[in-house]
PDB file of N, CA and C in Angstrom:
ATOM      1  N   MET A   1      -3.648  41.877   4.337  1.00  0.00           N
ATOM      2  CA  MET A   1      -3.981  40.757   3.294  1.00  0.00           C
ATOM      3  C   MET A   1      -3.720  39.660   3.758  1.00  0.00           C
ATOM      4  N   ILE A   2      -3.177  39.129   4.735  1.00  0.00           N
ATOM      5  CA  ILE A   2      -2.690  38.058   5.564  1.00  0.00           C
ATOM      6  C   ILE A   2      -3.580  37.519   5.981  1.00  0.00           C
ATOM      7  N   VAL A   3      -4.169  38.042   7.383  1.00  0.00           N
ATOM      8  CA  VAL A   3      -6.007  37.759   7.133  1.00  0.00           C
ATOM      9  C   VAL A   3      -6.630  37.362   6.014  1.00  0.00           C
ATOM     10  N   LEU A   4      -6.881  37.749   4.983  1.00  0.00           N
ATOM     11  CA  LEU A   4      -7.763  37.069   3.915  1.00  0.00           C
ATOM     12  C   LEU A   4      -7.263  35.564   3.499  1.00  0.00           C
ATOM     13  N   TYR A   5      -6.350  35.798   3.529  1.00  0.00           N
ATOM     14  CA  TYR A   5      -5.259  34.598   2.904  1.00  0.00           C
ATOM     15  C   TYR A   5      -5.438  33.236   4.158  1.00  0.00           C
ATOM     16  N   ALA A   6      -6.050  34.059   5.283  1.00  0.00           N
ATOM     17  CA  ALA A   6      -5.618  32.632   6.033  1.00  0.00           C
ATOM     18  C   ALA A   6      -6.959  32.399   6.441  1.00  0.00           C
ATOM     19  N   PHE A   7      -8.662  33.316   5.863  1.00  0.00           N
ATOM     20  CA  PHE A   7      -9.321  32.663   5.784  1.00  0.00           C
ATOM     21  C   PHE A   7      -9.587  32.280   4.843  1.00  0.00           C
ATOM     22  N   ALA A   8      -8.953  32.308   3.592  1.00  0.00           N
ATOM     23  CA  ALA A   8      -9.223  31.594   2.364  1.00  0.00           C
ATOM     24  C   ALA A   8      -9.204  29.965   2.689  1.00  0.00           C
ATOM     25  N   LEU A   9      -7.175  30.388   2.983  1.00  0.00           N
ATOM     26  CA  LEU A   9      -7.365  28.746   3.846  1.00  0.00           C
ATOM     27  C   LEU A   9      -7.844  28.218   4.673  1.00  0.00           C
ATOM     28  N   TYR A  10      -8.531  28.564   5.380  1.00  0.00           N
ATOM     29  CA  TYR A  10      -9.686  28.077   6.204  1.00  0.00           C
ATOM     30  C   TYR A  10     -10.279  27.410   5.599  1.00  0.00           C
ATOM     31  N   LEU A  11     -11.481  28.024   4.326  1.00  0.00           N
ATOM     32  CA  LEU A  11     -12.091  28.001   3.855  1.00  0.00           C
ATOM     33  C   LEU A  11     -11.954  26.475   3.060  1.00  0.00           C
ATOM     34  N   ALA A  12     -10.890  26.510   2.580  1.00  0.00           N
ATOM     35  CA  ALA A  12     -10.359  25.424   1.569  1.00  0.00           C
ATOM     36  C   ALA A  12     -10.309  24.179   2.877  1.00  0.00           C
ATOM     37  N   ILE A  13      -9.348  24.186   3.574  1.00  0.00           N
ATOM     38  CA  ILE A  13      -9.418  23.201   4.658  1.00  0.00           C
ATOM     39  C   ILE A  13     -11.180  22.465   5.111  1.00  0.00           C
ATOM     40  N   GLY A  14     -11.597  23.609   5.517  1.00  0.00           N
ATOM     41  CA  GLY A  14     -12.624  23.162   5.897  1.00  0.00           C
ATOM     42  C   GLY A  14     -14.059  22.932   4.778  1.00  0.00           C
ATOM     43  N   LEU A  15     -14.194  22.876   3.610  1.00  0.00           N
ATOM     44  CA  LEU A  15     -14.022  22.689   2.249  1.00  0.00           C
ATOM     45  C   LEU A  15     -14.231  21.339   1.939  1.00  0.00           C
ATOM     46  N   VAL A  16     -12.384  20.553   1.728  1.00  0.00           N
ATOM     47  CA  VAL A  16     -12.278  19.354   1.905  1.00  0.00           C
ATOM     48  C   VAL A  16     -12.675  18.241   3.137  1.00  0.00           C
ATOM     49  N   VAL A  17     -12.598  19.040   4.003  1.00  0.00           N
ATOM     50  CA  VAL A  17     -13.630  18.190   5.411  1.00  0.00           C
ATOM     51  C   VAL A  17     -14.554  18.099   5.241  1.00  0.00           C
ATOM     52  N   ALA A  18     -15.579  19.567   5.086  1.00  0.00           N
ATOM     53  CA  ALA A  18     -16.672  18.930   4.656  1.00  0.00           C
ATOM     54  C   ALA A  18     -17.620  17.883   3.555  1.00  0.00           C
ATOM     55  N   ILE A  19     -16.730  18.404   2.797  1.00  0.00           N
ATOM     56  CA  ILE A  19     -16.812  17.152   1.475  1.00  0.00           C
ATOM     57  C   ILE A  19     -16.917  16.147   1.634  1.00  0.00           C
ATOM     58  N   ALA A  20     -15.710  14.988   2.747  1.00  0.00           N
ATOM     59  CA  ALA A  20     -15.700  13.970   2.847  1.00  0.00           C
ATOM     60  C   ALA A  20     -15.956  13.887   4.278  1.00  0.00           C
ATOM     61  N   PHE A  21     -16.440  15.012   5.170  1.00  0.00           N
ATOM     62  CA  PHE A  21     -17.767  14.474   6.019  1.00  0.00           C
ATOM     63  C   PHE A  21     -19.046  13.762   5.474  1.00  0.00           C
ATOM     64  N   VAL A  22     -19.447  14.688   4.816  1.00  0.00           N
ATOM     65  CA  VAL A  22     -21.082  14.495   4.341  1.00  0.00           C
ATOM     66  C   VAL A  22     -21.041  13.448   3.939  1.00  0.00           C
ATOM     67  N   THR A  23     -19.462  12.554   2.437  1.00  0.00           N
ATOM     68  CA  THR A  23     -20.327  11.385   1.973  1.00  0.00           C
ATOM     69  C   THR A  23     -20.272  10.876   2.517  1.00  0.00           C
ATOM     70  N   ILE A  24     -18.649  11.166   2.975  1.00  0.00           N
ATOM     71  CA  ILE A  24     -18.277   9.986   4.168  1.00  0.00           C
ATOM     72  C   ILE A  24     -19.301   9.883   5.834  1.00  0.00           C
ATOM     73  N   GLY A  25     -18.090  10.435   6.254  1.00  0.00           N
ATOM     74  CA  GLY A  25     -18.426  10.893   8.258  1.00  0.00           C
ATOM     75  C   GLY A  25     -19.517  10.808   8.395  1.00  0.00           C
ATOM     76  N   ALA A  26     -20.655  11.186   8.125  1.00  0.00           N
ATOM     77  CA  ALA A  26     -22.021  11.541   8.749  1.00  0.00           C
ATOM     78  C   ALA A  26     -22.883  10.602   8.907  1.00  0.00           C
ATOM     79  N   THR A  27     -23.301   9.672   8.556  1.00  0.00           N
ATOM     80  CA  THR A  27     -23.499   7.821   9.060  1.00  0.00           C
ATOM     81  C   THR A  27     -22.450   7.899   9.510  1.00  0.00           C
ATOM     82  N   GLN A  28     -21.692   7.606  10.023  1.00  0.00           N
ATOM     83  CA  GLN A  28     -20.546   6.920  10.661  1.00  0.00           C
ATOM     84  C   GLN A  28     -20.518   7.841  12.564  1.00  0.00           C
ATOM     85  N   VAL A  29     -20.634   9.425  11.874  1.00  0.00           N
ATOM     86  CA  VAL A  29     -21.294   9.911  13.517  1.00  0.00           C
ATOM     87  C   VAL A  29     -22.283  10.137  14.196  1.00  0.00           C
ATOM     88  N   MET A  30     -23.652   9.976  12.985  1.00  0.00           N
ATOM     89  CA  MET A  30     -25.265  10.105  13.485  1.00  0.00           C
ATOM     90  C   MET A  30     -25.905   8.808  13.314  1.00  0.00           C
ATOM     91  N   HIS A  31     -24.402   7.908  12.984  1.00  0.00           N
ATOM     92  CA  HIS A  31     -26.144   6.769  12.782  1.00  0.00           C
ATOM     93  C   HIS A  31     -27.164   6.473  12.672  1.00  0.00           C
ATOM     94  N   ALA A  32     -27.135   7.513  11.308  1.00  0.00           N
ATOM     95  CA  ALA A  32     -28.506   7.300  10.673  1.00  0.00           C
ATOM     96  C   ALA A  32     -28.272   7.711   9.019  1.00  0.00           C
ATOM     97  N   SER A  33     -29.373   7.197   7.890  1.00  0.00           N
ATOM     98  CA  SER A  33     -29.114   7.634   6.718  1.00  0.00           C
ATOM     99  C   SER A  33     -29.547   8.499   6.257  1.00  0.00           C
ATOM    100  N   PHE A  34     -28.702   9.256   5.398  1.00  0.00           N
ATOM    101  CA  PHE A  34     -29.088  10.893   5.150  1.00  0.00           C
ATOM    102  C   PHE A  34     -29.283  11.047   3.532  1.00  0.00           C
ATOM    103  N   THR A  35     -30.238  11.655   3.311  1.00  0.00           N
ATOM    104  CA  THR A  35     -30.837  12.079   2.314  1.00  0.00           C
ATOM    105  C   THR A  35     -29.545  12.684   1.446  1.00  0.00           C
ATOM    106  N   VAL A  36     -30.075  13.157  -0.571  1.00  0.00           N
ATOM    107  CA  VAL A  36     -28.843  13.654  -0.490  1.00  0.00           C
ATOM    108  C   VAL A  36     -28.944  15.682  -0.426  1.00  0.00           C
ATOM    109  N   GLY A  37     -30.004  15.662  -0.388  1.00  0.00           N
ATOM    110  CA  GLY A  37     -30.522  17.446   0.375  1.00  0.00           C
ATOM    111  C   GLY A  37     -30.576  17.488   1.929  1.00  0.00           C
ATOM    112  N   ALA A  38     -30.506  16.475   2.969  1.00  0.00           N
ATOM    113  CA  ALA A  38     -30.054  16.832   4.127  1.00  0.00           C
ATOM    114  C   ALA A  38     -28.669  16.951   3.617  1.00  0.00           C
ATOM    115  N   ARG A  39     -27.955  15.640   2.560  1.00  0.00           N
ATOM    116  CA  ARG A  39     -26.487  16.425   2.724  1.00  0.00           C
ATOM    117  C   ARG A  39     -25.725  17.855   2.195  1.00  0.00           C
ATOM    118  N   ILE A  40     -26.437  18.282   1.536  1.00  0.00           N
ATOM    119  CA  ILE A  40     -26.088  19.219   0.891  1.00  0.00           C
ATOM    120  C   ILE A  40     -26.601  20.187   1.926  1.00  0.00           C
ATOM    121  N   LEU A  41     -27.831  20.046   2.514  1.00  0.00           N
ATOM    122  CA  LEU A  41     -27.890  20.664   3.642  1.00  0.00           C
ATOM    123  C   LEU A  41     -27.367  21.405   4.628  1.00  0.00           C
ATOM    124  N   LEU A  42     -26.517  20.465   4.565  1.00  0.00           N
ATOM    125  CA  LEU A  42     -25.193  20.115   6.051  1.00  0.00           C
ATOM    126  C   LEU A  42     -23.456  20.284   5.759  1.00  0.00           C
ATOM    127  N   LEU A  43     -23.594  20.090   4.499  1.00  0.00           N
ATOM    128  CA  LEU A  43     -22.086  20.896   4.005  1.00  0.00           C
ATOM    129  C   LEU A  43     -21.914  22.568   4.644  1.00  0.00           C
ATOM    130  N   PRO A  44     -23.034  23.900   4.051  1.00  0.00           N
ATOM    131  CA  PRO A  44     -22.312  24.945   4.751  1.00  0.00           C
ATOM    132  C   PRO A  44     -21.935  24.963   6.815  1.00  0.00           C
ATOM    133  N   GLY A  45     -22.061  23.825   6.283  1.00  0.00           N
ATOM    134  CA  GLY A  45     -22.245  23.631   7.801  1.00  0.00           C
ATOM    135  C   GLY A  45     -20.625  23.617   8.496  1.00  0.00           C
ATOM    136  N   ALA A  46     -20.692  22.463   8.021  1.00  0.00           N
ATOM    137  CA  ALA A  46     -20.119  21.320   8.199  1.00  0.00           C
ATOM    138  C   ALA A  46     -18.657  22.528   7.462  1.00  0.00           C
ATOM    139  N   THR A  47     -18.496  23.290   6.442  1.00  0.00           N
ATOM    140  CA  THR A  47     -17.367  23.956   5.693  1.00  0.00           C
ATOM    141  C   THR A  47     -17.359  24.716   7.024  1.00  0.00           C
ATOM    142  N   VAL A  48     -17.644  25.649   7.435  1.00  0.00           N
ATOM    143  CA  VAL A  48     -17.642  26.586   9.015  1.00  0.00           C
ATOM    144  C   VAL A  48     -16.889  26.266   9.614  1.00  0.00           C
ATOM    145  N   PHE A  49     -18.248  25.253  10.059  1.00  0.00           N
ATOM    146  CA  PHE A  49     -17.442  24.616  11.834  1.00  0.00           C
ATOM    147  C   PHE A  49     -16.129  23.142  11.827  1.00  0.00           C
ATOM    148  N   TRP A  50     -15.157  22.493  10.198  1.00  0.00           N
ATOM    149  CA  TRP A  50     -14.841  21.678  10.423  1.00  0.00           C
ATOM    150  C   TRP A  50     -13.669  21.315  11.277  1.00  0.00           C
ATOM    151  N   PRO A  51     -13.512  22.813  12.337  1.00  0.00           N
ATOM    152  CA  PRO A  51     -12.454  21.743  13.857  1.00  0.00           C
ATOM    153  C   PRO A  51     -13.299  21.227  14.370  1.00  0.00           C
ATOM    154  N   TYR A  52     -14.398  21.615  14.871  1.00  0.00           N
ATOM    155  CA  TYR A  52     -16.172  20.850  15.414  1.00  0.00           C
ATOM    156  C   TYR A  52     -15.940  18.996  14.734  1.00  0.00           C
ATOM    157  N   VAL A  53     -16.196  19.985  13.798  1.00  0.00           N
ATOM    158  CA  VAL A  53     -16.952  18.077  12.580  1.00  0.00           C
ATOM    159  C   VAL A  53     -15.835  17.229  12.425  1.00  0.00           C
ATOM    160  N   LEU A  54     -14.521  17.610  12.716  1.00  0.00           N
ATOM    161  CA  LEU A  54     -13.608  16.695  12.568  1.00  0.00           C
ATOM    162  C   LEU A  54     -12.616  15.713  13.395  1.00  0.00           C
ATOM    163  N   GLY A  55     -12.911  16.472  14.876  1.00  0.00           N
ATOM    164  CA  GLY A  55     -13.228  16.619  15.871  1.00  0.00           C
ATOM    165  C   GLY A  55     -13.979  15.221  16.833  1.00  0.00           C
ATOM    166  N   ARG A  56     -15.410  15.612  16.117  1.00  0.00           N
ATOM    167  CA  ARG A  56     -16.480  14.367  16.636  1.00  0.00           C
ATOM    168  C   ARG A  56     -16.260  13.205  15.300  1.00  0.00           C
ATOM    169  N   TRP A  57     -15.749  13.780  14.396  1.00  0.00           N
ATOM    170  CA  TRP A  57     -16.047  12.553  13.373  1.00  0.00           C
ATOM    171  C   TRP A  57     -14.298  11.464  13.719  1.00  0.00           C
ATOM    172  N   LEU A  58     -13.632  12.008  14.339  1.00  0.00           N
ATOM    173  CA  LEU A  58     -12.118  11.420  14.671  1.00  0.00           C
ATOM    174  C   LEU A  58     -12.598  11.083  16.260  1.00  0.00           C
ATOM    175  N   LYS A  59     -13.468  11.321  16.423  1.00  0.00           N
ATOM    176  CA  LYS A  59     -13.973  11.051  18.259  1.00  0.00           C
ATOM    177  C   LYS A  59     -14.886   9.450  18.082  1.00  0.00           C
ATOM    178  N   SER A  60     -15.444   9.471  16.723  1.00  0.00           N
ATOM    179  CA  SER A  60     -15.803   8.047  16.364  1.00  0.00           C
ATOM    180  C   SER A  60     -15.906   7.343  16.252  1.00  0.00           C
ATOM    181  N   TYR A  61     -14.511   7.689  15.456  1.00  0.00           N
ATOM    182  CA  TYR A  61     -13.534   6.104  15.247  1.00  0.00           C
ATOM    183  C   TYR A  61     -13.144   5.299  16.621  1.00  0.00           C
ATOM    184  N   ARG A  62     -13.085   6.336  17.278  1.00  0.00           N
ATOM    185  CA  ARG A  62     -12.038   5.974  18.732  1.00  0.00           C
ATOM    186  C   ARG A  62     -13.174   5.561  19.340  1.00  0.00           C
ATOM    187  N   THR A  63     -14.467   4.954  19.834  1.00  0.00           N
ATOM    188  CA  THR A  63     -15.914   4.642  20.023  1.00  0.00           C
ATOM    189  C   THR A  63     -15.981   3.339  19.629  1.00  0.00           C
ATOM    190  N   LEU A  64     -15.558   3.054  18.780  1.00  0.00           N
ATOM    191  CA  LEU A  64     -16.230   2.121  17.337  1.00  0.00           C
ATOM    192  C   LEU A  64     -15.528   0.439  18.048  1.00  0.00           C
TER     193      LEU A  64
END
């Protein structure tokens, strides 16, 4: 049961990070404009790989 709670917490944090990244951070990290369709396609991947996405996003702030 604890594993399910941990997985749910991981996905919840991932969804919050992914929504923030797709709406704000994608253009900062990749320096390109994205259509709504591209942002929808980025959402599931950003949700699952949120530690990597968050790391890249924070790294892009340090290089500005």
